[in-house]
């Protein structure tokens, strides 16, 4: 199993609107691709020097190949839907392989 982790720092003035969009649109759209089994959205409990509020969204997928299919088939269109928030967030993406789950 793999985790596709997206860490986002969002400006405070649009924070609530963005969280609502993530919960009601973006995460459901990601799951609707059929490439992810589940999603976990967490607030990162640190105060960033640059300000804003930071979240981590972890999408679980069955294989590296499935994640690659997401990049090729879905990522550009789904990322484009974040246009209303353009310039108001910083995001970085990390791929992780699950080694052990207990």
PDB file of N, CA and C in Angstrom:
ATOM      1  N   UNK A   1       0.843  -1.180   0.000  1.00  0.00           N
ATOM      2  CA  UNK A   1       0.000   0.000   0.000  1.00  0.00           C
ATOM      3  C   UNK A   1       0.889   1.244   0.000  1.00  0.00           C
ATOM      4  N   UNK A   2       0.340   2.292  -0.604  1.00  0.00           N
ATOM      5  CA  UNK A   2       1.045   3.569  -0.695  1.00  0.00           C
ATOM      6  C   UNK A   2       0.158   4.688  -0.174  1.00  0.00           C
ATOM      7  N   UNK A   3       0.808   5.731   0.294  1.00  0.00           N
ATOM      8  CA  UNK A   3       0.096   6.943   0.708  1.00  0.00           C
ATOM      9  C   UNK A   3       0.588   8.088  -0.152  1.00  0.00           C
ATOM     10  N   UNK A   4      -0.352   8.793  -0.730  1.00  0.00           N
ATOM     11  CA  UNK A   4      -0.077  10.031  -1.449  1.00  0.00           C
ATOM     12  C   UNK A   4      -0.449  11.143  -0.485  1.00  0.00           C
ATOM     13  N   UNK A   5       0.568  11.825   0.051  1.00  0.00           N
ATOM     14  CA  UNK A   5       0.360  12.859   1.062  1.00  0.00           C
ATOM     15  C   UNK A   5       0.491  14.234   0.429  1.00  0.00           C
ATOM     16  N   UNK A   6      -0.496  15.081   0.674  1.00  0.00           N
ATOM     17  CA  UNK A   6      -0.443  16.469   0.212  1.00  0.00           C
ATOM     18  C   UNK A   6      -0.509  17.347   1.456  1.00  0.00           C
ATOM     19  N   UNK A   7       0.548  18.131   1.677  1.00  0.00           N
ATOM     20  CA  UNK A   7       0.594  19.062   2.796  1.00  0.00           C
ATOM     21  C   UNK A   7       0.338  20.455   2.243  1.00  0.00           C
ATOM     22  N   UNK A   8      -0.637  21.141   2.816  1.00  0.00           N
ATOM     23  CA  UNK A   8      -1.075  22.438   2.310  1.00  0.00           C
ATOM     24  C   UNK A   8      -1.073  23.455   3.441  1.00  0.00           C
ATOM     25  N   UNK A   9      -0.491  24.624   3.173  1.00  0.00           N
ATOM     26  CA  UNK A   9      -0.602  25.760   4.088  1.00  0.00           C
ATOM     27  C   UNK A   9      -1.521  26.763   3.396  1.00  0.00           C
ATOM     28  N   UNK A  10      -2.644  27.064   4.022  1.00  0.00           N
ATOM     29  CA  UNK A  10      -3.681  27.911   3.443  1.00  0.00           C
ATOM     30  C   UNK A  10      -3.797  29.212   4.238  1.00  0.00           C
ATOM     31  N   UNK A  11      -4.007  30.309   3.537  1.00  0.00           N
ATOM     32  CA  UNK A  11      -4.165  31.598   4.212  1.00  0.00           C
ATOM     33  C   UNK A  11      -5.386  31.568   5.121  1.00  0.00           C
ATOM     34  N   UNK A  12      -5.264  32.238   6.262  1.00  0.00           N
ATOM     35  CA  UNK A  12      -6.341  32.227   7.256  1.00  0.00           C
ATOM     36  C   UNK A  12      -7.625  32.871   6.762  1.00  0.00           C
ATOM     37  N   UNK A  13      -7.538  33.888   5.911  1.00  0.00           N
ATOM     38  CA  UNK A  13      -8.746  34.609   5.480  1.00  0.00           C
ATOM     39  C   UNK A  13      -9.672  33.772   4.599  1.00  0.00           C
ATOM     40  N   UNK A  14      -9.166  32.702   3.983  1.00  0.00           N
ATOM     41  CA  UNK A  14     -10.028  31.840   3.168  1.00  0.00           C
ATOM     42  C   UNK A  14     -10.059  30.404   3.703  1.00  0.00           C
ATOM     43  N   UNK A  15      -9.499  30.229   4.887  1.00  0.00           N
ATOM     44  CA  UNK A  15      -9.377  28.913   5.496  1.00  0.00           C
ATOM     45  C   UNK A  15     -10.694  28.135   5.547  1.00  0.00           C
ATOM     46  N   UNK A  16     -11.746  28.734   6.087  1.00  0.00           N
ATOM     47  CA  UNK A  16     -13.013  28.008   6.254  1.00  0.00           C
ATOM     48  C   UNK A  16     -13.612  27.617   4.908  1.00  0.00           C
ATOM     49  N   UNK A  17     -13.554  28.513   3.945  1.00  0.00           N
ATOM     50  CA  UNK A  17     -14.068  28.208   2.607  1.00  0.00           C
ATOM     51  C   UNK A  17     -13.290  27.043   1.986  1.00  0.00           C
ATOM     52  N   UNK A  18     -11.973  27.069   2.148  1.00  0.00           N
ATOM     53  CA  UNK A  18     -11.132  26.014   1.595  1.00  0.00           C
ATOM     54  C   UNK A  18     -11.413  24.662   2.260  1.00  0.00           C
ATOM     55  N   UNK A  19     -11.523  24.634   3.582  1.00  0.00           N
ATOM     56  CA  UNK A  19     -11.806  23.380   4.293  1.00  0.00           C
ATOM     57  C   UNK A  19     -13.138  22.807   3.812  1.00  0.00           C
ATOM     58  N   UNK A  20     -14.138  23.645   3.663  1.00  0.00           N
ATOM     59  CA  UNK A  20     -15.432  23.187   3.162  1.00  0.00           C
ATOM     60  C   UNK A  20     -15.289  22.609   1.755  1.00  0.00           C
ATOM     61  N   UNK A  21     -14.551  23.284   0.886  1.00  0.00           N
ATOM     62  CA  UNK A  21     -14.333  22.807  -0.478  1.00  0.00           C
ATOM     63  C   UNK A  21     -13.615  21.453  -0.467  1.00  0.00           C
ATOM     64  N   UNK A  22     -12.611  21.321   0.386  1.00  0.00           N
ATOM     65  CA  UNK A  22     -11.885  20.046   0.478  1.00  0.00           C
ATOM     66  C   UNK A  22     -12.818  18.911   0.885  1.00  0.00           C
ATOM     67  N   UNK A  23     -13.628  19.154   1.919  1.00  0.00           N
ATOM     68  CA  UNK A  23     -14.505  18.107   2.451  1.00  0.00           C
ATOM     69  C   UNK A  23     -15.650  17.749   1.507  1.00  0.00           C
ATOM     70  N   UNK A  24     -16.217  18.750   0.849  1.00  0.00           N
ATOM     71  CA  UNK A  24     -17.424  18.493   0.047  1.00  0.00           C
ATOM     72  C   UNK A  24     -17.155  18.272  -1.439  1.00  0.00           C
ATOM     73  N   UNK A  25     -16.004  18.740  -1.927  1.00  0.00           N
ATOM     74  CA  UNK A  25     -15.729  18.603  -3.358  1.00  0.00           C
ATOM     75  C   UNK A  25     -14.427  17.864  -3.667  1.00  0.00           C
ATOM     76  N   UNK A  26     -13.312  18.418  -3.224  1.00  0.00           N
ATOM     77  CA  UNK A  26     -12.027  17.886  -3.682  1.00  0.00           C
ATOM     78  C   UNK A  26     -11.763  16.451  -3.221  1.00  0.00           C
ATOM     79  N   UNK A  27     -11.891  16.181  -1.943  1.00  0.00           N
ATOM     80  CA  UNK A  27     -11.632  14.819  -1.464  1.00  0.00           C
ATOM     81  C   UNK A  27     -12.623  13.834  -2.080  1.00  0.00           C
ATOM     82  N   UNK A  28     -13.939  14.144  -2.129  1.00  0.00           N
ATOM     83  CA  UNK A  28     -14.841  13.224  -2.832  1.00  0.00           C
ATOM     84  C   UNK A  28     -14.458  13.012  -4.303  1.00  0.00           C
ATOM     85  N   UNK A  29     -14.003  14.074  -4.976  1.00  0.00           N
ATOM     86  CA  UNK A  29     -13.559  13.927  -6.372  1.00  0.00           C
ATOM     87  C   UNK A  29     -12.338  13.013  -6.472  1.00  0.00           C
ATOM     88  N   UNK A  30     -11.407  13.146  -5.536  1.00  0.00           N
ATOM     89  CA  UNK A  30     -10.229  12.278  -5.531  1.00  0.00           C
ATOM     90  C   UNK A  30     -10.635  10.817  -5.353  1.00  0.00           C
ATOM     91  N   UNK A  31     -11.526  10.566  -4.402  1.00  0.00           N
ATOM     92  CA  UNK A  31     -11.973   9.191  -4.161  1.00  0.00           C
ATOM     93  C   UNK A  31     -12.775   8.647  -5.346  1.00  0.00           C
ATOM     94  N   UNK A  32     -13.496   9.522  -6.023  1.00  0.00           N
ATOM     95  CA  UNK A  32     -14.319   9.113  -7.174  1.00  0.00           C
ATOM     96  C   UNK A  32     -13.478   8.651  -8.368  1.00  0.00           C
ATOM     97  N   UNK A  33     -12.176   8.969  -8.366  1.00  0.00           N
ATOM     98  CA  UNK A  33     -11.324   8.484  -9.454  1.00  0.00           C
ATOM     99  C   UNK A  33     -11.188   6.964  -9.408  1.00  0.00           C
ATOM    100  N   UNK A  34     -11.479   6.372  -8.240  1.00  0.00           N
ATOM    101  CA  UNK A  34     -11.331   4.932  -8.077  1.00  0.00           C
ATOM    102  C   UNK A  34      -9.897   4.503  -7.813  1.00  0.00           C
ATOM    103  N   UNK A  35      -9.006   5.461  -7.682  1.00  0.00           N
ATOM    104  CA  UNK A  35      -7.593   5.135  -7.502  1.00  0.00           C
ATOM    105  C   UNK A  35      -7.146   5.156  -6.045  1.00  0.00           C
ATOM    106  N   UNK A  36      -8.008   5.636  -5.176  1.00  0.00           N
ATOM    107  CA  UNK A  36      -7.685   5.724  -3.754  1.00  0.00           C
ATOM    108  C   UNK A  36      -8.744   5.011  -2.939  1.00  0.00           C
ATOM    109  N   UNK A  37      -8.303   4.321  -1.898  1.00  0.00           N
ATOM    110  CA  UNK A  37      -9.202   3.548  -1.036  1.00  0.00           C
ATOM    111  C   UNK A  37      -9.830   4.407   0.057  1.00  0.00           C
ATOM    112  N   UNK A  38      -9.057   5.377   0.569  1.00  0.00           N
ATOM    113  CA  UNK A  38      -9.564   6.244   1.628  1.00  0.00           C
ATOM    114  C   UNK A  38      -8.727   7.507   1.688  1.00  0.00           C
ATOM    115  N   UNK A  39      -9.245   8.485   2.421  1.00  0.00           N
ATOM    116  CA  UNK A  39      -8.540   9.748   2.605  1.00  0.00           C
ATOM    117  C   UNK A  39      -8.644  10.159   4.069  1.00  0.00           C
ATOM    118  N   UNK A  40      -7.570  10.735   4.578  1.00  0.00           N
ATOM    119  CA  UNK A  40      -7.524  11.213   5.953  1.00  0.00           C
ATOM    120  C   UNK A  40      -7.016  12.651   5.916  1.00  0.00           C
ATOM    121  N   UNK A  41      -7.821  13.580   6.413  1.00  0.00           N
ATOM    122  CA  UNK A  41      -7.429  14.986   6.452  1.00  0.00           C
ATOM    123  C   UNK A  41      -7.137  15.368   7.896  1.00  0.00           C
ATOM    124  N   UNK A  42      -5.932  15.893   8.140  1.00  0.00           N
ATOM    125  CA  UNK A  42      -5.504  16.255   9.488  1.00  0.00           C
ATOM    126  C   UNK A  42      -4.986  17.685   9.497  1.00  0.00           C
ATOM    127  N   UNK A  43      -5.230  18.355  10.601  1.00  0.00           N
ATOM    128  CA  UNK A  43      -4.653  19.686  10.790  1.00  0.00           C
ATOM    129  C   UNK A  43      -3.302  19.505  11.457  1.00  0.00           C
ATOM    130  N   UNK A  44      -2.287  20.171  10.933  1.00  0.00           N
ATOM    131  CA  UNK A  44      -0.941  20.106  11.494  1.00  0.00           C
ATOM    132  C   UNK A  44      -0.870  21.119  12.624  1.00  0.00           C
ATOM    133  N   UNK A  45      -0.491  20.647  13.802  1.00  0.00           N
ATOM    134  CA  UNK A  45      -0.522  21.486  14.999  1.00  0.00           C
ATOM    135  C   UNK A  45       0.810  22.183  15.245  1.00  0.00           C
ATOM    136  N   UNK A  46       1.170  23.057  14.316  1.00  0.00           N
ATOM    137  CA  UNK A  46       2.356  23.908  14.476  1.00  0.00           C
ATOM    138  C   UNK A  46       1.972  25.316  14.054  1.00  0.00           C
ATOM    139  N   UNK A  47       2.648  26.284  14.618  1.00  0.00           N
ATOM    140  CA  UNK A  47       2.470  27.667  14.180  1.00  0.00           C
ATOM    141  C   UNK A  47       3.559  27.974  13.169  1.00  0.00           C
ATOM    142  N   UNK A  48       3.158  28.190  11.943  1.00  0.00           N
ATOM    143  CA  UNK A  48       4.100  28.487  10.870  1.00  0.00           C
ATOM    144  C   UNK A  48       4.569  29.935  10.962  1.00  0.00           C
ATOM    145  N   UNK A  49       5.855  30.151  10.771  1.00  0.00           N
ATOM    146  CA  UNK A  49       6.394  31.508  10.772  1.00  0.00           C
ATOM    147  C   UNK A  49       5.758  32.344   9.664  1.00  0.00           C
ATOM    148  N   UNK A  50       5.446  31.702   8.548  1.00  0.00           N
ATOM    149  CA  UNK A  50       4.866  32.421   7.411  1.00  0.00           C
ATOM    150  C   UNK A  50       3.370  32.678   7.602  1.00  0.00           C
ATOM    151  N   UNK A  51       2.798  32.151   8.688  1.00  0.00           N
ATOM    152  CA  UNK A  51       1.372  32.309   8.924  1.00  0.00           C
ATOM    153  C   UNK A  51       0.591  31.204   8.243  1.00  0.00           C
ATOM    154  N   UNK A  52      -0.709  31.378   8.192  1.00  0.00           N
ATOM    155  CA  UNK A  52      -1.558  30.371   7.574  1.00  0.00           C
ATOM    156  C   UNK A  52      -1.816  29.186   8.482  1.00  0.00           C
ATOM    157  N   UNK A  53      -2.616  28.269   7.976  1.00  0.00           N
ATOM    158  CA  UNK A  53      -2.977  27.056   8.703  1.00  0.00           C
ATOM    159  C   UNK A  53      -2.596  25.882   7.817  1.00  0.00           C
ATOM    160  N   UNK A  54      -1.953  24.881   8.406  1.00  0.00           N
ATOM    161  CA  UNK A  54      -1.411  23.767   7.632  1.00  0.00           C
ATOM    162  C   UNK A  54      -2.222  22.494   7.850  1.00  0.00           C
ATOM    163  N   UNK A  55      -2.447  21.785   6.756  1.00  0.00           N
ATOM    164  CA  UNK A  55      -3.168  20.510   6.753  1.00  0.00           C
ATOM    165  C   UNK A  55      -2.355  19.470   6.005  1.00  0.00           C
ATOM    166  N   UNK A  56      -2.584  18.219   6.375  1.00  0.00           N
ATOM    167  CA  UNK A  56      -2.037  17.083   5.641  1.00  0.00           C
ATOM    168  C   UNK A  56      -3.225  16.233   5.208  1.00  0.00           C
ATOM    169  N   UNK A  57      -3.264  15.911   3.932  1.00  0.00           N
ATOM    170  CA  UNK A  57      -4.312  15.016   3.426  1.00  0.00           C
ATOM    171  C   UNK A  57      -3.611  13.786   2.869  1.00  0.00           C
ATOM    172  N   UNK A  58      -3.964  12.628   3.418  1.00  0.00           N
ATOM    173  CA  UNK A  58      -3.322  11.385   3.020  1.00  0.00           C
ATOM    174  C   UNK A  58      -4.324  10.494   2.306  1.00  0.00           C
ATOM    175  N   UNK A  59      -3.988  10.172   1.063  1.00  0.00           N
ATOM    176  CA  UNK A  59      -4.816   9.306   0.234  1.00  0.00           C
ATOM    177  C   UNK A  59      -4.123   7.957   0.115  1.00  0.00           C
ATOM    178  N   UNK A  60      -4.820   6.885   0.474  1.00  0.00           N
ATOM    179  CA  UNK A  60      -4.248   5.543   0.431  1.00  0.00           C
ATOM    180  C   UNK A  60      -4.590   4.885  -0.900  1.00  0.00           C
ATOM    181  N   UNK A  61      -3.566   4.301  -1.528  1.00  0.00           N
ATOM    182  CA  UNK A  61      -3.746   3.619  -2.805  1.00  0.00           C
ATOM    183  C   UNK A  61      -3.046   2.266  -2.763  1.00  0.00           C
ATOM    184  N   UNK A  62      -3.453   1.369  -3.635  1.00  0.00           N
ATOM    185  CA  UNK A  62      -2.958  -0.001  -3.566  1.00  0.00           C
ATOM    186  C   UNK A  62      -1.536  -0.195  -4.101  1.00  0.00           C
ATOM    187  N   UNK A  63      -1.110   0.667  -5.035  1.00  0.00           N
ATOM    188  CA  UNK A  63       0.202   0.441  -5.640  1.00  0.00           C
ATOM    189  C   UNK A  63       0.784   1.727  -6.224  1.00  0.00           C
ATOM    190  N   UNK A  64       2.070   1.673  -6.473  1.00  0.00           N
ATOM    191  CA  UNK A  64       2.758   2.779  -7.138  1.00  0.00           C
ATOM    192  C   UNK A  64       2.183   2.962  -8.550  1.00  0.00           C
ATOM    193  N   UNK A  65       1.840   1.872  -9.204  1.00  0.00           N
ATOM    194  CA  UNK A  65       1.263   1.933 -10.548  1.00  0.00           C
ATOM    195  C   UNK A  65      -0.081   2.667 -10.543  1.00  0.00           C
ATOM    196  N   UNK A  66      -0.884   2.427  -9.519  1.00  0.00           N
ATOM    197  CA  UNK A  66      -2.179   3.107  -9.415  1.00  0.00           C
ATOM    198  C   UNK A  66      -1.976   4.604  -9.179  1.00  0.00           C
ATOM    199  N   UNK A  67      -0.994   4.942  -8.371  1.00  0.00           N
ATOM    200  CA  UNK A  67      -0.687   6.347  -8.136  1.00  0.00           C
ATOM    201  C   UNK A  67      -0.222   7.009  -9.439  1.00  0.00           C
ATOM    202  N   UNK A  68       0.574   6.308 -10.221  1.00  0.00           N
ATOM    203  CA  UNK A  68       1.029   6.825 -11.509  1.00  0.00           C
ATOM    204  C   UNK A  68      -0.161   7.056 -12.454  1.00  0.00           C
ATOM    205  N   UNK A  69      -1.121   6.141 -12.424  1.00  0.00           N
ATOM    206  CA  UNK A  69      -2.325   6.321 -13.249  1.00  0.00           C
ATOM    207  C   UNK A  69      -3.082   7.583 -12.832  1.00  0.00           C
ATOM    208  N   UNK A  70      -3.133   7.849 -11.521  1.00  0.00           N
ATOM    209  CA  UNK A  70      -3.771   9.080 -11.045  1.00  0.00           C
ATOM    210  C   UNK A  70      -3.056  10.294 -11.633  1.00  0.00           C
ATOM    211  N   UNK A  71      -1.714  10.303 -11.562  1.00  0.00           N
ATOM    212  CA  UNK A  71      -0.946  11.431 -12.100  1.00  0.00           C
ATOM    213  C   UNK A  71      -1.263  11.655 -13.580  1.00  0.00           C
ATOM    214  N   UNK A  72      -1.327  10.576 -14.330  1.00  0.00           N
ATOM    215  CA  UNK A  72      -1.532  10.665 -15.780  1.00  0.00           C
ATOM    216  C   UNK A  72      -2.970  10.993 -16.166  1.00  0.00           C
ATOM    217  N   UNK A  73      -3.933  10.384 -15.475  1.00  0.00           N
ATOM    218  CA  UNK A  73      -5.331  10.475 -15.896  1.00  0.00           C
ATOM    219  C   UNK A  73      -6.154  11.536 -15.169  1.00  0.00           C
ATOM    220  N   UNK A  74      -5.805  11.887 -13.945  1.00  0.00           N
ATOM    221  CA  UNK A  74      -6.682  12.732 -13.133  1.00  0.00           C
ATOM    222  C   UNK A  74      -6.045  13.981 -12.546  1.00  0.00           C
ATOM    223  N   UNK A  75      -4.766  13.927 -12.227  1.00  0.00           N
ATOM    224  CA  UNK A  75      -4.132  15.021 -11.476  1.00  0.00           C
ATOM    225  C   UNK A  75      -4.293  16.393 -12.129  1.00  0.00           C
ATOM    226  N   UNK A  76      -4.018  16.545 -13.424  1.00  0.00           N
ATOM    227  CA  UNK A  76      -4.130  17.898 -13.995  1.00  0.00           C
ATOM    228  C   UNK A  76      -5.529  18.511 -13.842  1.00  0.00           C
ATOM    229  N   UNK A  77      -6.560  17.747 -14.120  1.00  0.00           N
ATOM    230  CA  UNK A  77      -7.934  18.271 -14.026  1.00  0.00           C
ATOM    231  C   UNK A  77      -8.314  18.576 -12.586  1.00  0.00           C
ATOM    232  N   UNK A  78      -7.956  17.702 -11.655  1.00  0.00           N
ATOM    233  CA  UNK A  78      -8.334  17.931 -10.262  1.00  0.00           C
ATOM    234  C   UNK A  78      -7.551  19.095  -9.657  1.00  0.00           C
ATOM    235  N   UNK A  79      -6.287  19.218 -10.011  1.00  0.00           N
ATOM    236  CA  UNK A  79      -5.493  20.349  -9.507  1.00  0.00           C
ATOM    237  C   UNK A  79      -6.010  21.670 -10.064  1.00  0.00           C
ATOM    238  N   UNK A  80      -6.510  21.647 -11.294  1.00  0.00           N
ATOM    239  CA  UNK A  80      -7.047  22.871 -11.918  1.00  0.00           C
ATOM    240  C   UNK A  80      -8.266  23.400 -11.173  1.00  0.00           C
ATOM    241  N   UNK A  81      -8.989  22.512 -10.502  1.00  0.00           N
ATOM    242  CA  UNK A  81     -10.184  22.930  -9.763  1.00  0.00           C
ATOM    243  C   UNK A  81      -9.854  23.767  -8.530  1.00  0.00           C
ATOM    244  N   UNK A  82      -8.582  23.835  -8.154  1.00  0.00           N
ATOM    245  CA  UNK A  82      -8.187  24.648  -6.997  1.00  0.00           C
ATOM    246  C   UNK A  82      -7.951  26.103  -7.400  1.00  0.00           C
ATOM    247  N   UNK A  83      -8.245  26.441  -8.638  1.00  0.00           N
ATOM    248  CA  UNK A  83      -8.013  27.790  -9.176  1.00  0.00           C
ATOM    249  C   UNK A  83      -8.580  28.912  -8.297  1.00  0.00           C
ATOM    250  N   UNK A  84      -9.773  28.763  -7.700  1.00  0.00           N
ATOM    251  CA  UNK A  84     -10.290  29.848  -6.856  1.00  0.00           C
ATOM    252  C   UNK A  84      -9.383  30.193  -5.668  1.00  0.00           C
ATOM    253  N   UNK A  85      -8.489  29.277  -5.299  1.00  0.00           N
ATOM    254  CA  UNK A  85      -7.608  29.489  -4.155  1.00  0.00           C
ATOM    255  C   UNK A  85      -6.174  29.804  -4.591  1.00  0.00           C
ATOM    256  N   UNK A  86      -5.960  29.948  -5.884  1.00  0.00           N
ATOM    257  CA  UNK A  86      -4.629  30.186  -6.434  1.00  0.00           C
ATOM    258  C   UNK A  86      -3.950  31.389  -5.768  1.00  0.00           C
ATOM    259  N   UNK A  87      -2.690  31.211  -5.405  1.00  0.00           N
ATOM    260  CA  UNK A  87      -1.925  32.275  -4.772  1.00  0.00           C
ATOM    261  C   UNK A  87      -2.194  32.423  -3.284  1.00  0.00           C
ATOM    262  N   UNK A  88      -3.108  31.590  -2.748  1.00  0.00           N
ATOM    263  CA  UNK A  88      -3.466  31.692  -1.336  1.00  0.00           C
ATOM    264  C   UNK A  88      -3.076  30.448  -0.540  1.00  0.00           C
ATOM    265  N   UNK A  89      -2.355  29.546  -1.201  1.00  0.00           N
ATOM    266  CA  UNK A  89      -1.885  28.345  -0.512  1.00  0.00           C
ATOM    267  C   UNK A  89      -0.548  27.913  -1.098  1.00  0.00           C
ATOM    268  N   UNK A  90       0.152  27.126  -0.295  1.00  0.00           N
ATOM    269  CA  UNK A  90       1.382  26.478  -0.725  1.00  0.00           C
ATOM    270  C   UNK A  90       1.172  24.996  -0.464  1.00  0.00           C
ATOM    271  N   UNK A  91       1.514  24.158  -1.438  1.00  0.00           N
ATOM    272  CA  UNK A  91       1.326  22.718  -1.270  1.00  0.00           C
ATOM    273  C   UNK A  91       2.589  21.978  -1.671  1.00  0.00           C
ATOM    274  N   UNK A  92       2.863  20.887  -0.962  1.00  0.00           N
ATOM    275  CA  UNK A  92       3.891  19.970  -1.435  1.00  0.00           C
ATOM    276  C   UNK A  92       3.399  18.557  -1.250  1.00  0.00           C
ATOM    277  N   UNK A  93       3.845  17.715  -2.158  1.00  0.00           N
ATOM    278  CA  UNK A  93       3.342  16.348  -2.236  1.00  0.00           C
ATOM    279  C   UNK A  93       4.449  15.349  -1.929  1.00  0.00           C
ATOM    280  N   UNK A  94       4.087  14.281  -1.220  1.00  0.00           N
ATOM    281  CA  UNK A  94       5.038  13.252  -0.833  1.00  0.00           C
ATOM    282  C   UNK A  94       4.396  11.886  -1.079  1.00  0.00           C
ATOM    283  N   UNK A  95       5.180  10.970  -1.641  1.00  0.00           N
ATOM    284  CA  UNK A  95       4.734   9.583  -1.791  1.00  0.00           C
ATOM    285  C   UNK A  95       5.379   8.767  -0.694  1.00  0.00           C
ATOM    286  N   UNK A  96       4.572   7.908  -0.051  1.00  0.00           N
ATOM    287  CA  UNK A  96       5.094   7.071   1.021  1.00  0.00           C
ATOM    288  C   UNK A  96       4.637   5.636   0.816  1.00  0.00           C
ATOM    289  N   UNK A  97       5.496   4.707   1.136  1.00  0.00           N
ATOM    290  CA  UNK A  97       5.143   3.291   1.090  1.00  0.00           C
ATOM    291  C   UNK A  97       4.905   2.818   2.516  1.00  0.00           C
ATOM    292  N   UNK A  98       3.784   2.150   2.747  1.00  0.00           N
ATOM    293  CA  UNK A  98       3.480   1.618   4.072  1.00  0.00           C
ATOM    294  C   UNK A  98       4.342   0.378   4.299  1.00  0.00           C
ATOM    295  N   UNK A  99       5.134   0.415   5.348  1.00  0.00           N
ATOM    296  CA  UNK A  99       6.028  -0.685   5.671  1.00  0.00           C
ATOM    297  C   UNK A  99       5.391  -1.633   6.674  1.00  0.00           C
ATOM    298  N   UNK A 100       4.677  -1.063   7.642  1.00  0.00           N
ATOM    299  CA  UNK A 100       4.049  -1.861   8.683  1.00  0.00           C
ATOM    300  C   UNK A 100       2.831  -1.119   9.202  1.00  0.00           C
ATOM    301  N   UNK A 101       1.795  -1.881   9.446  1.00  0.00           N
ATOM    302  CA  UNK A 101       0.576  -1.321  10.054  1.00  0.00           C
ATOM    303  C   UNK A 101       0.128  -2.276  11.137  1.00  0.00           C
ATOM    304  N   UNK A 102      -0.027  -1.764  12.358  1.00  0.00           N
ATOM    305  CA  UNK A 102      -0.358  -2.649  13.479  1.00  0.00           C
ATOM    306  C   UNK A 102      -1.604  -2.191  14.189  1.00  0.00           C
TER     307      UNK A 102
END
